[in-house]
């Protein structure tokens, strides 16, 4: 799947991991699982954002909570 066809959240995942954890990014790309991981993380983030919005948070606030949980690499 070409990066241009990815979900916008998956693109955020790819950019964040490429910059924040390049070793893991390259490993996942070499193993052929990078886009699969990006799409799965995007789906989890989207579900969490929807859940938080349904609980009364603004979409921006929900993304501020969900993105670090699902799209960004852990801090080293």
N, C-alpha and C. Protein backbone atom coordinates (compact mmCIF):
# COMPACT_ATOMS: atom_id res chain seq x y z
N UNK A 1 0.85 -1.18 0.00
CA UNK A 1 0.00 0.00 0.00
C UNK A 1 0.89 1.24 0.00
N UNK A 2 0.64 2.14 -0.90
CA UNK A 2 1.43 3.37 -0.98
C UNK A 2 1.06 4.30 0.17
N UNK A 3 2.05 5.04 0.63
CA UNK A 3 1.82 5.94 1.75
C UNK A 3 0.69 6.94 1.45
N UNK A 4 0.53 7.33 0.19
CA UNK A 4 -0.51 8.29 -0.16
C UNK A 4 -1.91 7.73 0.05
N UNK A 5 -2.05 6.41 0.09
CA UNK A 5 -3.36 5.79 0.27
C UNK A 5 -3.67 5.51 1.74
N UNK A 6 -2.75 5.85 2.62
CA UNK A 6 -2.94 5.56 4.04
C UNK A 6 -3.90 6.53 4.70
N UNK A 7 -4.54 6.05 5.72
CA UNK A 7 -5.35 6.86 6.61
C UNK A 7 -4.50 8.01 7.15
N UNK A 8 -5.06 9.20 7.31
CA UNK A 8 -4.27 10.33 7.84
C UNK A 8 -3.63 10.03 9.19
N UNK A 9 -4.31 9.29 10.05
CA UNK A 9 -3.71 8.94 11.33
C UNK A 9 -2.53 7.99 11.13
N UNK A 10 -2.62 7.11 10.16
CA UNK A 10 -1.51 6.20 9.86
C UNK A 10 -0.30 6.99 9.36
N UNK A 11 -0.54 8.03 8.59
CA UNK A 11 0.56 8.88 8.14
C UNK A 11 1.25 9.56 9.32
N UNK A 12 0.45 10.00 10.29
CA UNK A 12 1.03 10.61 11.49
C UNK A 12 1.90 9.59 12.20
N UNK A 13 1.40 8.36 12.33
CA UNK A 13 2.16 7.27 12.95
C UNK A 13 3.50 7.09 12.22
N UNK A 14 3.46 6.97 10.90
CA UNK A 14 4.68 6.73 10.14
C UNK A 14 5.68 7.86 10.31
N UNK A 15 5.22 9.09 10.22
CA UNK A 15 6.12 10.23 10.37
C UNK A 15 6.71 10.28 11.78
N UNK A 16 5.89 10.04 12.78
CA UNK A 16 6.35 10.09 14.17
C UNK A 16 7.38 9.00 14.45
N UNK A 17 7.13 7.80 13.96
CA UNK A 17 8.06 6.69 14.21
C UNK A 17 9.33 6.84 13.38
N UNK A 18 9.22 7.35 12.17
CA UNK A 18 10.41 7.55 11.34
C UNK A 18 11.36 8.54 12.02
N UNK A 19 10.81 9.59 12.60
CA UNK A 19 11.63 10.60 13.26
C UNK A 19 11.99 10.23 14.69
N UNK A 20 11.06 9.65 15.43
CA UNK A 20 11.27 9.40 16.85
C UNK A 20 11.92 8.08 17.21
N UNK A 21 11.79 7.10 16.33
CA UNK A 21 12.37 5.79 16.59
C UNK A 21 12.79 5.16 15.25
N UNK A 22 13.79 5.77 14.61
CA UNK A 22 14.14 5.33 13.25
C UNK A 22 14.61 3.88 13.17
N UNK A 23 15.24 3.38 14.21
CA UNK A 23 15.70 1.98 14.19
C UNK A 23 14.51 1.03 14.11
N UNK A 24 13.51 1.25 14.97
CA UNK A 24 12.31 0.42 14.95
C UNK A 24 11.57 0.59 13.64
N UNK A 25 11.48 1.81 13.15
CA UNK A 25 10.82 2.09 11.87
C UNK A 25 11.46 1.26 10.75
N UNK A 26 12.78 1.31 10.68
CA UNK A 26 13.48 0.56 9.63
C UNK A 26 13.30 -0.95 9.80
N UNK A 27 13.33 -1.41 11.04
CA UNK A 27 13.13 -2.84 11.31
C UNK A 27 11.75 -3.29 10.84
N UNK A 28 10.72 -2.54 11.20
CA UNK A 28 9.35 -2.89 10.79
C UNK A 28 9.20 -2.83 9.28
N UNK A 29 9.84 -1.83 8.66
CA UNK A 29 9.76 -1.73 7.20
C UNK A 29 10.44 -2.93 6.56
N UNK A 30 11.60 -3.32 7.07
CA UNK A 30 12.34 -4.46 6.55
C UNK A 30 11.53 -5.75 6.70
N UNK A 31 10.81 -5.88 7.82
CA UNK A 31 9.99 -7.06 8.08
C UNK A 31 8.67 -7.05 7.30
N UNK A 32 8.35 -5.91 6.69
CA UNK A 32 7.12 -5.80 5.91
C UNK A 32 5.87 -5.58 6.74
N UNK A 33 6.02 -5.10 7.99
CA UNK A 33 4.86 -4.93 8.86
C UNK A 33 4.58 -3.46 9.20
N UNK A 34 5.35 -2.55 8.65
CA UNK A 34 5.24 -1.14 9.02
C UNK A 34 3.84 -0.57 8.74
N UNK A 35 3.35 -0.74 7.53
CA UNK A 35 2.04 -0.18 7.19
C UNK A 35 0.92 -0.87 7.96
N UNK A 36 1.06 -2.17 8.20
CA UNK A 36 0.06 -2.89 9.00
C UNK A 36 0.00 -2.30 10.41
N UNK A 37 1.17 -2.06 11.00
CA UNK A 37 1.22 -1.47 12.34
C UNK A 37 0.63 -0.07 12.33
N UNK A 38 0.93 0.69 11.28
CA UNK A 38 0.41 2.05 11.16
C UNK A 38 -1.12 2.05 11.07
N UNK A 39 -1.67 1.17 10.25
CA UNK A 39 -3.13 1.11 10.10
C UNK A 39 -3.80 0.65 11.39
N UNK A 40 -3.21 -0.32 12.07
CA UNK A 40 -3.79 -0.81 13.32
C UNK A 40 -3.75 0.28 14.39
N UNK A 41 -2.63 1.00 14.47
CA UNK A 41 -2.53 2.08 15.45
C UNK A 41 -3.52 3.20 15.12
N UNK A 42 -3.68 3.48 13.85
CA UNK A 42 -4.63 4.52 13.43
C UNK A 42 -6.05 4.15 13.84
N UNK A 43 -6.41 2.90 13.66
CA UNK A 43 -7.76 2.46 14.04
C UNK A 43 -7.97 2.57 15.55
N UNK A 44 -6.97 2.15 16.33
CA UNK A 44 -7.09 2.27 17.79
C UNK A 44 -7.18 3.73 18.21
N UNK A 45 -6.39 4.59 17.61
CA UNK A 45 -6.43 6.01 17.94
C UNK A 45 -7.79 6.60 17.59
N UNK A 46 -8.30 6.26 16.42
CA UNK A 46 -9.60 6.78 15.98
C UNK A 46 -10.70 6.33 16.94
N UNK A 47 -10.67 5.07 17.36
CA UNK A 47 -11.67 4.56 18.30
C UNK A 47 -11.58 5.29 19.64
N UNK A 48 -10.37 5.54 20.11
CA UNK A 48 -10.19 6.23 21.39
C UNK A 48 -10.66 7.67 21.28
N UNK A 49 -10.34 8.34 20.18
CA UNK A 49 -10.81 9.72 19.99
C UNK A 49 -12.33 9.75 20.01
N UNK A 50 -12.97 8.84 19.30
CA UNK A 50 -14.44 8.80 19.27
C UNK A 50 -15.01 8.56 20.66
N UNK A 51 -14.38 7.65 21.40
CA UNK A 51 -14.83 7.36 22.77
C UNK A 51 -14.73 8.61 23.65
N UNK A 52 -13.62 9.31 23.56
CA UNK A 52 -13.42 10.50 24.40
C UNK A 52 -14.37 11.63 23.99
N UNK A 53 -14.61 11.78 22.70
CA UNK A 53 -15.56 12.80 22.24
C UNK A 53 -16.96 12.46 22.74
N UNK A 54 -17.31 11.17 22.74
CA UNK A 54 -18.64 10.78 23.22
C UNK A 54 -18.78 11.03 24.72
N UNK A 55 -17.64 11.14 25.41
CA UNK A 55 -17.66 11.43 26.84
C UNK A 55 -17.62 12.94 27.12
N UNK A 56 -17.62 13.75 26.06
CA UNK A 56 -17.72 15.19 26.23
C UNK A 56 -16.48 16.00 25.92
N UNK A 57 -15.38 15.36 25.56
CA UNK A 57 -14.18 16.12 25.21
C UNK A 57 -14.31 16.68 23.80
N UNK A 58 -13.66 17.80 23.58
CA UNK A 58 -13.58 18.36 22.23
C UNK A 58 -12.66 17.46 21.41
N UNK A 59 -12.87 17.40 20.09
CA UNK A 59 -12.01 16.55 19.26
C UNK A 59 -10.52 16.84 19.42
N UNK A 60 -10.13 18.09 19.50
CA UNK A 60 -8.71 18.42 19.68
C UNK A 60 -8.18 17.87 20.99
N UNK A 61 -8.98 17.99 22.04
CA UNK A 61 -8.56 17.46 23.35
C UNK A 61 -8.44 15.94 23.29
N UNK A 62 -9.38 15.31 22.62
CA UNK A 62 -9.35 13.84 22.51
C UNK A 62 -8.12 13.38 21.74
N UNK A 63 -7.77 14.09 20.67
CA UNK A 63 -6.57 13.73 19.91
C UNK A 63 -5.31 13.94 20.74
N UNK A 64 -5.27 14.98 21.56
CA UNK A 64 -4.11 15.22 22.42
C UNK A 64 -3.88 14.05 23.38
N UNK A 65 -4.94 13.39 23.77
CA UNK A 65 -4.84 12.23 24.67
C UNK A 65 -4.51 10.96 23.88
N UNK A 66 -5.22 10.75 22.78
CA UNK A 66 -5.11 9.49 22.04
C UNK A 66 -3.82 9.36 21.23
N UNK A 67 -3.36 10.42 20.62
CA UNK A 67 -2.20 10.31 19.74
C UNK A 67 -0.97 9.80 20.48
N UNK A 68 -0.61 10.36 21.64
CA UNK A 68 0.57 9.82 22.32
C UNK A 68 0.40 8.35 22.73
N UNK A 69 -0.82 7.93 22.98
CA UNK A 69 -1.07 6.55 23.40
C UNK A 69 -0.89 5.57 22.25
N UNK A 70 -1.26 5.96 21.04
CA UNK A 70 -1.34 5.02 19.94
C UNK A 70 -0.46 5.34 18.72
N UNK A 71 -0.15 6.61 18.50
CA UNK A 71 0.54 6.96 17.27
C UNK A 71 2.01 7.32 17.45
N UNK A 72 2.39 7.78 18.61
CA UNK A 72 3.75 8.25 18.83
C UNK A 72 4.60 7.18 19.49
N UNK A 73 5.89 7.13 19.15
CA UNK A 73 6.75 6.15 19.81
C UNK A 73 6.95 6.52 21.27
N UNK A 74 7.25 5.54 22.11
CA UNK A 74 7.50 5.84 23.52
C UNK A 74 8.76 6.70 23.66
N UNK A 75 8.76 7.52 24.68
CA UNK A 75 9.96 8.33 24.93
C UNK A 75 11.06 7.46 25.47
N UNK A 76 12.24 7.70 24.97
CA UNK A 76 13.38 6.90 25.41
C UNK A 76 14.23 7.68 26.39
